[in-house]
Structure formats: C-alpha cells, structure tokens
Amino acid sequence: MAVGQLLYERLAAIAPVCPPFGFVNPANFKDLPVWCFHGAMDSVIPVSDSVKMVRLLRSGGCNVKFTVYPDADQIVGPRRTPIRTL
C-alpha cells in the first residue's frame, strides 16, 4: 500500500497482496477500485492486517474487493500459491 499511498492520484486501481497494515488514509483511495489478496495461513503477515485495512478503506467509502485464500500462506514469491483470479 505504500506505493499506492504515494501515487494514488496517478493510479487507475490497486491490488495489494498480503499487505502489512499501516496507516492508510481512505480518502486517498475513495475513487480507486481496490482488490486485496491474502493467504489465511500466512505466517509472515497475519491476515488480520488485511482485514483491518479493508475495514478502514470501506469505512471511508472505498470500493474494496477482498479475497482470502483459505489454504494459502504468503502468496507472493517463488514456490508460493499462484494467484489465478486475475
């Protein structure tokens, strides 16, 4: 989300994958579609971080789709669960 937070005026949409939760200003993303992905078995960044971020964005009126892969761990990187949804 850090890049999205800095460049939100230049983006058409964002798709954070297993994002750590930090301060997010929902006003910055109100006009951007957001689709967040997270593996429920992630031992690096808890899925609860994405849940918090999604709730915050939605509370600010953002259009957020949230996909949790129940049997996936950290779904980014080599030898990880591929994202076939996109």
PDB file of N, CA and C in Angstrom:
ATOM      1  N   MET A   1       0.818  -1.192   0.000  1.00  0.00           N
ATOM      2  CA  MET A   1       0.000   0.000   0.000  1.00  0.00           C
ATOM      3  C   MET A   1       0.859   1.253   0.000  1.00  0.00           C
ATOM      4  N   ALA A   2       2.125   1.137   0.345  1.00  0.00           N
ATOM      5  CA  ALA A   2       2.967   2.329   0.429  1.00  0.00           C
ATOM      6  C   ALA A   2       3.034   3.062  -0.909  1.00  0.00           C
ATOM      7  N   VAL A   3       3.224   2.332  -1.985  1.00  0.00           N
ATOM      8  CA  VAL A   3       3.288   2.969  -3.300  1.00  0.00           C
ATOM      9  C   VAL A   3       1.940   3.585  -3.644  1.00  0.00           C
ATOM     10  N   GLY A   4       0.869   2.852  -3.380  1.00  0.00           N
ATOM     11  CA  GLY A   4      -0.467   3.382  -3.636  1.00  0.00           C
ATOM     12  C   GLY A   4      -0.740   4.638  -2.844  1.00  0.00           C
ATOM     13  N   GLN A   5      -0.251   4.673  -1.608  1.00  0.00           N
ATOM     14  CA  GLN A   5      -0.451   5.838  -0.752  1.00  0.00           C
ATOM     15  C   GLN A   5       0.248   7.065  -1.337  1.00  0.00           C
ATOM     16  N   LEU A   6       1.405   6.855  -1.957  1.00  0.00           N
ATOM     17  CA  LEU A   6       2.170   7.971  -2.513  1.00  0.00           C
ATOM     18  C   LEU A   6       1.702   8.385  -3.906  1.00  0.00           C
ATOM     19  N   LEU A   7       1.233   7.434  -4.689  1.00  0.00           N
ATOM     20  CA  LEU A   7       0.932   7.704  -6.097  1.00  0.00           C
ATOM     21  C   LEU A   7      -0.544   7.565  -6.433  1.00  0.00           C
ATOM     22  N   TYR A   8      -1.412   7.633  -5.445  1.00  0.00           N
ATOM     23  CA  TYR A   8      -2.833   7.363  -5.672  1.00  0.00           C
ATOM     24  C   TYR A   8      -3.442   8.229  -6.765  1.00  0.00           C
ATOM     25  N   GLU A   9      -2.946   9.436  -6.963  1.00  0.00           N
ATOM     26  CA  GLU A   9      -3.512  10.324  -7.985  1.00  0.00           C
ATOM     27  C   GLU A   9      -3.175   9.861  -9.403  1.00  0.00           C
ATOM     28  N   ARG A  10      -2.190   8.973  -9.535  1.00  0.00           N
ATOM     29  CA  ARG A  10      -1.743   8.534 -10.853  1.00  0.00           C
ATOM     30  C   ARG A  10      -2.166   7.104 -11.175  1.00  0.00           C
ATOM     31  N   LEU A  11      -2.896   6.462 -10.276  1.00  0.00           N
ATOM     32  CA  LEU A  11      -3.262   5.059 -10.451  1.00  0.00           C
ATOM     33  C   LEU A  11      -4.712   4.900 -10.878  1.00  0.00           C
ATOM     34  N   ALA A  12      -4.988   3.821 -11.615  1.00  0.00           N
ATOM     35  CA  ALA A  12      -6.361   3.501 -12.016  1.00  0.00           C
ATOM     36  C   ALA A  12      -6.996   2.522 -11.040  1.00  0.00           C
ATOM     37  N   ALA A  13      -6.173   1.731 -10.348  1.00  0.00           N
ATOM     38  CA  ALA A  13      -6.645   0.744  -9.372  1.00  0.00           C
ATOM     39  C   ALA A  13      -5.426   0.255  -8.603  1.00  0.00           C
ATOM     40  N   ILE A  14      -5.659  -0.420  -7.476  1.00  0.00           N
ATOM     41  CA  ILE A  14      -4.559  -1.048  -6.751  1.00  0.00           C
ATOM     42  C   ILE A  14      -4.984  -2.451  -6.352  1.00  0.00           C
ATOM     43  N   ALA A  15      -3.985  -3.348  -6.227  1.00  0.00           N
ATOM     44  CA  ALA A  15      -4.238  -4.730  -5.822  1.00  0.00           C
ATOM     45  C   ALA A  15      -3.170  -5.154  -4.823  1.00  0.00           C
ATOM     46  N   PRO A  16      -3.311  -4.750  -3.551  1.00  0.00           N
ATOM     47  CA  PRO A  16      -2.331  -5.154  -2.548  1.00  0.00           C
ATOM     48  C   PRO A  16      -2.407  -6.656  -2.288  1.00  0.00           C
ATOM     49  N   VAL A  17      -1.236  -7.296  -2.198  1.00  0.00           N
ATOM     50  CA  VAL A  17      -1.155  -8.728  -1.945  1.00  0.00           C
ATOM     51  C   VAL A  17      -0.427  -8.931  -0.625  1.00  0.00           C
ATOM     52  N   CYS A  18      -1.102  -9.517   0.355  1.00  0.00           N
ATOM     53  CA  CYS A  18      -0.549  -9.750   1.692  1.00  0.00           C
ATOM     54  C   CYS A  18       0.046  -8.482   2.292  1.00  0.00           C
ATOM     55  N   PRO A  19      -0.676  -7.375   2.280  1.00  0.00           N
ATOM     56  CA  PRO A  19      -0.082  -6.128   2.753  1.00  0.00           C
ATOM     57  C   PRO A  19      -0.009  -6.055   4.273  1.00  0.00           C
ATOM     58  N   PRO A  20       1.112  -5.545   4.816  1.00  0.00           N
ATOM     59  CA  PRO A  20       1.132  -5.260   6.253  1.00  0.00           C
ATOM     60  C   PRO A  20       0.249  -4.049   6.518  1.00  0.00           C
ATOM     61  N   PHE A  21      -0.405  -4.042   7.647  1.00  0.00           N
ATOM     62  CA  PHE A  21      -1.291  -2.919   7.950  1.00  0.00           C
ATOM     63  C   PHE A  21      -0.486  -1.769   8.511  1.00  0.00           C
ATOM     64  N   GLY A  22      -0.687  -0.612   7.950  1.00  0.00           N
ATOM     65  CA  GLY A  22      -0.113   0.627   8.441  1.00  0.00           C
ATOM     66  C   GLY A  22      -1.182   1.679   8.294  1.00  0.00           C
ATOM     67  N   PHE A  23      -0.846   2.891   8.564  1.00  0.00           N
ATOM     68  CA  PHE A  23      -1.845   3.939   8.408  1.00  0.00           C
ATOM     69  C   PHE A  23      -2.192   4.087   6.937  1.00  0.00           C
ATOM     70  N   VAL A  24      -3.450   4.057   6.647  1.00  0.00           N
ATOM     71  CA  VAL A  24      -3.950   4.264   5.294  1.00  0.00           C
ATOM     72  C   VAL A  24      -4.998   5.354   5.374  1.00  0.00           C
ATOM     73  N   ASN A  25      -4.863   6.358   4.546  1.00  0.00           N
ATOM     74  CA  ASN A  25      -5.865   7.416   4.502  1.00  0.00           C
ATOM     75  C   ASN A  25      -6.915   7.017   3.470  1.00  0.00           C
ATOM     76  N   PRO A  26      -8.104   6.585   3.911  1.00  0.00           N
ATOM     77  CA  PRO A  26      -9.115   6.123   2.968  1.00  0.00           C
ATOM     78  C   PRO A  26      -9.503   7.172   1.931  1.00  0.00           C
ATOM     79  N   ALA A  27      -9.379   8.436   2.265  1.00  0.00           N
ATOM     80  CA  ALA A  27      -9.731   9.499   1.316  1.00  0.00           C
ATOM     81  C   ALA A  27      -8.865   9.422   0.059  1.00  0.00           C
ATOM     82  N   ASN A  28      -7.631   8.940   0.209  1.00  0.00           N
ATOM     83  CA  ASN A  28      -6.734   8.833  -0.942  1.00  0.00           C
ATOM     84  C   ASN A  28      -7.181   7.768  -1.939  1.00  0.00           C
ATOM     85  N   PHE A  29      -7.999   6.823  -1.493  1.00  0.00           N
ATOM     86  CA  PHE A  29      -8.371   5.696  -2.338  1.00  0.00           C
ATOM     87  C   PHE A  29      -9.855   5.663  -2.676  1.00  0.00           C
ATOM     88  N   LYS A  30     -10.577   6.702  -2.309  1.00  0.00           N
ATOM     89  CA  LYS A  30     -12.032   6.703  -2.480  1.00  0.00           C
ATOM     90  C   LYS A  30     -12.454   6.491  -3.929  1.00  0.00           C
ATOM     91  N   ASP A  31     -11.694   6.994  -4.876  1.00  0.00           N
ATOM     92  CA  ASP A  31     -12.053   6.881  -6.288  1.00  0.00           C
ATOM     93  C   ASP A  31     -11.308   5.759  -7.012  1.00  0.00           C
ATOM     94  N   LEU A  32     -10.552   4.949  -6.266  1.00  0.00           N
ATOM     95  CA  LEU A  32      -9.797   3.850  -6.872  1.00  0.00           C
ATOM     96  C   LEU A  32     -10.417   2.509  -6.502  1.00  0.00           C
ATOM     97  N   PRO A  33     -10.626   1.625  -7.466  1.00  0.00           N
ATOM     98  CA  PRO A  33     -11.008   0.268  -7.098  1.00  0.00           C
ATOM     99  C   PRO A  33      -9.825  -0.415  -6.410  1.00  0.00           C
ATOM    100  N   VAL A  34     -10.100  -1.153  -5.353  1.00  0.00           N
ATOM    101  CA  VAL A  34      -9.070  -1.863  -4.599  1.00  0.00           C
ATOM    102  C   VAL A  34      -9.478  -3.330  -4.529  1.00  0.00           C
ATOM    103  N   TRP A  35      -8.533  -4.207  -4.870  1.00  0.00           N
ATOM    104  CA  TRP A  35      -8.770  -5.641  -4.719  1.00  0.00           C
ATOM    105  C   TRP A  35      -7.596  -6.189  -3.930  1.00  0.00           C
ATOM    106  N   CYS A  36      -7.846  -6.600  -2.707  1.00  0.00           N
ATOM    107  CA  CYS A  36      -6.810  -7.070  -1.790  1.00  0.00           C
ATOM    108  C   CYS A  36      -6.826  -8.596  -1.738  1.00  0.00           C
ATOM    109  N   PHE A  37      -5.648  -9.205  -1.749  1.00  0.00           N
ATOM    110  CA  PHE A  37      -5.485 -10.661  -1.679  1.00  0.00           C
ATOM    111  C   PHE A  37      -4.665 -11.019  -0.445  1.00  0.00           C
ATOM    112  N   HIS A  38      -5.017 -12.133   0.208  1.00  0.00           N
ATOM    113  CA  HIS A  38      -4.216 -12.589   1.342  1.00  0.00           C
ATOM    114  C   HIS A  38      -4.424 -14.083   1.544  1.00  0.00           C
ATOM    115  N   GLY A  39      -3.373 -14.777   1.921  1.00  0.00           N
ATOM    116  CA  GLY A  39      -3.457 -16.193   2.276  1.00  0.00           C
ATOM    117  C   GLY A  39      -3.765 -16.324   3.760  1.00  0.00           C
ATOM    118  N   ALA A  40      -4.783 -17.099   4.108  1.00  0.00           N
ATOM    119  CA  ALA A  40      -5.200 -17.242   5.509  1.00  0.00           C
ATOM    120  C   ALA A  40      -4.131 -17.904   6.375  1.00  0.00           C
ATOM    121  N   MET A  41      -3.247 -18.688   5.773  1.00  0.00           N
ATOM    122  CA  MET A  41      -2.208 -19.390   6.529  1.00  0.00           C
ATOM    123  C   MET A  41      -0.886 -18.614   6.553  1.00  0.00           C
ATOM    124  N   ASP A  42      -0.900 -17.371   6.167  1.00  0.00           N
ATOM    125  CA  ASP A  42       0.300 -16.533   6.113  1.00  0.00           C
ATOM    126  C   ASP A  42       0.915 -16.422   7.501  1.00  0.00           C
ATOM    127  N   SER A  43       2.168 -16.863   7.635  1.00  0.00           N
ATOM    128  CA  SER A  43       2.864 -16.779   8.923  1.00  0.00           C
ATOM    129  C   SER A  43       3.782 -15.561   8.993  1.00  0.00           C
ATOM    130  N   VAL A  44       3.872 -14.794   7.912  1.00  0.00           N
ATOM    131  CA  VAL A  44       4.724 -13.608   7.876  1.00  0.00           C
ATOM    132  C   VAL A  44       3.919 -12.365   8.233  1.00  0.00           C
ATOM    133  N   ILE A  45       2.822 -12.165   7.540  1.00  0.00           N
ATOM    134  CA  ILE A  45       1.930 -11.028   7.798  1.00  0.00           C
ATOM    135  C   ILE A  45       0.543 -11.605   8.054  1.00  0.00           C
ATOM    136  N   PRO A  46       0.009 -11.440   9.250  1.00  0.00           N
ATOM    137  CA  PRO A  46      -1.291 -12.042   9.557  1.00  0.00           C
ATOM    138  C   PRO A  46      -2.408 -11.482   8.687  1.00  0.00           C
ATOM    139  N   VAL A  47      -3.345 -12.357   8.324  1.00  0.00           N
ATOM    140  CA  VAL A  47      -4.480 -11.940   7.504  1.00  0.00           C
ATOM    141  C   VAL A  47      -5.282 -10.854   8.218  1.00  0.00           C
ATOM    142  N   SER A  48      -5.187 -10.807   9.539  1.00  0.00           N
ATOM    143  CA  SER A  48      -5.898  -9.762  10.292  1.00  0.00           C
ATOM    144  C   SER A  48      -5.431  -8.365   9.885  1.00  0.00           C
ATOM    145  N   ASP A  49      -4.182  -8.229   9.415  1.00  0.00           N
ATOM    146  CA  ASP A  49      -3.707  -6.925   8.928  1.00  0.00           C
ATOM    147  C   ASP A  49      -4.517  -6.479   7.712  1.00  0.00           C
ATOM    148  N   SER A  50      -4.763  -7.407   6.797  1.00  0.00           N
ATOM    149  CA  SER A  50      -5.569  -7.064   5.620  1.00  0.00           C
ATOM    150  C   SER A  50      -7.008  -6.773   6.007  1.00  0.00           C
ATOM    151  N   VAL A  51      -7.535  -7.538   6.960  1.00  0.00           N
ATOM    152  CA  VAL A  51      -8.911  -7.307   7.423  1.00  0.00           C
ATOM    153  C   VAL A  51      -9.041  -5.889   7.970  1.00  0.00           C
ATOM    154  N   LYS A  52      -8.069  -5.452   8.779  1.00  0.00           N
ATOM    155  CA  LYS A  52      -8.089  -4.090   9.337  1.00  0.00           C
ATOM    156  C   LYS A  52      -8.037  -3.038   8.228  1.00  0.00           C
ATOM    157  N   MET A  53      -7.145  -3.267   7.256  1.00  0.00           N
ATOM    158  CA  MET A  53      -7.000  -2.306   6.172  1.00  0.00           C
ATOM    159  C   MET A  53      -8.284  -2.221   5.346  1.00  0.00           C
ATOM    160  N   VAL A  54      -8.871  -3.375   5.032  1.00  0.00           N
ATOM    161  CA  VAL A  54     -10.103  -3.400   4.237  1.00  0.00           C
ATOM    162  C   VAL A  54     -11.227  -2.690   4.979  1.00  0.00           C
ATOM    163  N   ARG A  55     -11.352  -2.943   6.277  1.00  0.00           N
ATOM    164  CA  ARG A  55     -12.393  -2.265   7.070  1.00  0.00           C
ATOM    165  C   ARG A  55     -12.201  -0.752   7.060  1.00  0.00           C
ATOM    166  N   LEU A  56     -10.955  -0.319   7.224  1.00  0.00           N
ATOM    167  CA  LEU A  56     -10.674   1.114   7.232  1.00  0.00           C
ATOM    168  C   LEU A  56     -11.016   1.739   5.878  1.00  0.00           C
ATOM    169  N   LEU A  57     -10.595   1.096   4.807  1.00  0.00           N
ATOM    170  CA  LEU A  57     -10.886   1.627   3.473  1.00  0.00           C
ATOM    171  C   LEU A  57     -12.388   1.680   3.216  1.00  0.00           C
ATOM    172  N   ARG A  58     -13.088   0.614   3.576  1.00  0.00           N
ATOM    173  CA  ARG A  58     -14.545   0.594   3.368  1.00  0.00           C
ATOM    174  C   ARG A  58     -15.242   1.653   4.212  1.00  0.00           C
ATOM    175  N   SER A  59     -14.736   1.892   5.421  1.00  0.00           N
ATOM    176  CA  SER A  59     -15.354   2.915   6.279  1.00  0.00           C
ATOM    177  C   SER A  59     -15.222   4.306   5.668  1.00  0.00           C
ATOM    178  N   GLY A  60     -14.230   4.480   4.798  1.00  0.00           N
ATOM    179  CA  GLY A  60     -14.038   5.756   4.112  1.00  0.00           C
ATOM    180  C   GLY A  60     -14.728   5.817   2.764  1.00  0.00           C
ATOM    181  N   GLY A  61     -15.544   4.809   2.458  1.00  0.00           N
ATOM    182  CA  GLY A  61     -16.295   4.819   1.210  1.00  0.00           C
ATOM    183  C   GLY A  61     -15.577   4.222   0.016  1.00  0.00           C
ATOM    184  N   CYS A  62     -14.484   3.515   0.264  1.00  0.00           N
ATOM    185  CA  CYS A  62     -13.725   2.921  -0.836  1.00  0.00           C
ATOM    186  C   CYS A  62     -14.400   1.654  -1.352  1.00  0.00           C
ATOM    187  N   ASN A  63     -14.252   1.424  -2.649  1.00  0.00           N
ATOM    188  CA  ASN A  63     -14.756   0.219  -3.295  1.00  0.00           C
ATOM    189  C   ASN A  63     -13.681  -0.855  -3.173  1.00  0.00           C
ATOM    190  N   VAL A  64     -13.841  -1.784  -2.211  1.00  0.00           N
ATOM    191  CA  VAL A  64     -12.815  -2.784  -1.923  1.00  0.00           C
ATOM    192  C   VAL A  64     -13.375  -4.188  -2.118  1.00  0.00           C
ATOM    193  N   LYS A  65     -12.664  -4.979  -2.909  1.00  0.00           N
ATOM    194  CA  LYS A  65     -12.937  -6.411  -3.009  1.00  0.00           C
ATOM    195  C   LYS A  65     -11.828  -7.090  -2.222  1.00  0.00           C
ATOM    196  N   PHE A  66     -12.169  -8.109  -1.434  1.00  0.00           N
ATOM    197  CA  PHE A  66     -11.187  -8.765  -0.570  1.00  0.00           C
ATOM    198  C   PHE A  66     -11.273 -10.264  -0.791  1.00  0.00           C
ATOM    199  N   THR A  67     -10.165 -10.865  -1.221  1.00  0.00           N
ATOM    200  CA  THR A  67     -10.105 -12.303  -1.459  1.00  0.00           C
ATOM    201  C   THR A  67      -9.106 -12.924  -0.499  1.00  0.00           C
ATOM    202  N   VAL A  68      -9.576 -13.890   0.291  1.00  0.00           N
ATOM    203  CA  VAL A  68      -8.707 -14.654   1.187  1.00  0.00           C
ATOM    204  C   VAL A  68      -8.628 -16.073   0.642  1.00  0.00           C
ATOM    205  N   TYR A  69      -7.407 -16.544   0.438  1.00  0.00           N
ATOM    206  CA  TYR A  69      -7.191 -17.920   0.005  1.00  0.00           C
ATOM    207  C   TYR A  69      -7.020 -18.770   1.262  1.00  0.00           C
ATOM    208  N   PRO A  70      -8.010 -19.625   1.600  1.00  0.00           N
ATOM    209  CA  PRO A  70      -8.021 -20.317   2.889  1.00  0.00           C
ATOM    210  C   PRO A  70      -6.838 -21.247   3.126  1.00  0.00           C
ATOM    211  N   ASP A  71      -6.301 -21.873   2.091  1.00  0.00           N
ATOM    212  CA  ASP A  71      -5.211 -22.832   2.273  1.00  0.00           C
ATOM    213  C   ASP A  71      -3.860 -22.287   1.833  1.00  0.00           C
ATOM    214  N   ALA A  72      -3.769 -20.982   1.585  1.00  0.00           N
ATOM    215  CA  ALA A  72      -2.521 -20.391   1.093  1.00  0.00           C
ATOM    216  C   ALA A  72      -1.757 -19.723   2.232  1.00  0.00           C
ATOM    217  N   ASP A  73      -0.432 -19.710   2.063  1.00  0.00           N
ATOM    218  CA  ASP A  73       0.392 -18.998   3.040  1.00  0.00           C
ATOM    219  C   ASP A  73       0.746 -17.635   2.449  1.00  0.00           C
ATOM    220  N   GLN A  74       1.991 -17.243   2.540  1.00  0.00           N
ATOM    221  CA  GLN A  74       2.446 -15.987   1.939  1.00  0.00           C
ATOM    222  C   GLN A  74       2.411 -16.198   0.436  1.00  0.00           C
ATOM    223  N   ILE A  75       1.439 -15.615  -0.258  1.00  0.00           N
ATOM    224  CA  ILE A  75       1.176 -15.972  -1.649  1.00  0.00           C
ATOM    225  C   ILE A  75       2.008 -15.196  -2.663  1.00  0.00           C
ATOM    226  N   VAL A  76       3.046 -14.537  -2.200  1.00  0.00           N
ATOM    227  CA  VAL A  76       3.922 -13.799  -3.099  1.00  0.00           C
ATOM    228  C   VAL A  76       5.311 -14.399  -3.005  1.00  0.00           C
ATOM    229  N   GLY A  77       5.950 -14.594  -4.127  1.00  0.00           N
ATOM    230  CA  GLY A  77       7.317 -15.068  -4.121  1.00  0.00           C
ATOM    231  C   GLY A  77       7.442 -16.433  -4.769  1.00  0.00           C
ATOM    232  N   PRO A  78       8.686 -16.913  -4.889  1.00  0.00           N
ATOM    233  CA  PRO A  78       8.911 -18.199  -5.540  1.00  0.00           C
ATOM    234  C   PRO A  78       8.295 -19.340  -4.733  1.00  0.00           C
ATOM    235  N   ARG A  79       7.792 -20.327  -5.451  1.00  0.00           N
ATOM    236  CA  ARG A  79       7.233 -21.540  -4.852  1.00  0.00           C
ATOM    237  C   ARG A  79       6.060 -21.250  -3.933  1.00  0.00           C
ATOM    238  N   ARG A  80       5.300 -20.261  -4.259  1.00  0.00           N
ATOM    239  CA  ARG A  80       4.128 -19.904  -3.456  1.00  0.00           C
ATOM    240  C   ARG A  80       2.858 -20.211  -4.230  1.00  0.00           C
ATOM    241  N   THR A  81       1.740 -20.057  -3.567  1.00  0.00           N
ATOM    242  CA  THR A  81       0.455 -20.302  -4.195  1.00  0.00           C
ATOM    243  C   THR A  81       0.217 -19.273  -5.297  1.00  0.00           C
ATOM    244  N   PRO A  82       0.021 -19.708  -6.530  1.00  0.00           N
ATOM    245  CA  PRO A  82      -0.208 -18.723  -7.597  1.00  0.00           C
ATOM    246  C   PRO A  82      -1.583 -18.083  -7.477  1.00  0.00           C
ATOM    247  N   ILE A  83      -1.664 -16.837  -7.857  1.00  0.00           N
ATOM    248  CA  ILE A  83      -2.948 -16.140  -7.885  1.00  0.00           C
ATOM    249  C   ILE A  83      -3.523 -16.335  -9.278  1.00  0.00           C
ATOM    250  N   ARG A  84      -4.577 -17.100  -9.373  1.00  0.00           N
ATOM    251  CA  ARG A  84      -5.187 -17.385 -10.670  1.00  0.00           C
ATOM    252  C   ARG A  84      -6.413 -16.508 -10.917  1.00  0.00           C
ATOM    253  N   THR A  85      -6.804 -15.727  -9.940  1.00  0.00           N
ATOM    254  CA  THR A  85      -8.033 -14.948 -10.021  1.00  0.00           C
ATOM    255  C   THR A  85      -7.940 -13.826 -11.038  1.00  0.00           C
ATOM    256  N   LEU A  86      -6.797 -13.157 -11.084  1.00  0.00           N
ATOM    257  CA  LEU A  86      -6.645 -12.033 -12.002  1.00  0.00           C
ATOM    258  C   LEU A  86      -6.581 -12.534 -13.416  1.00  0.00           C
TER     259      LEU A  86
END
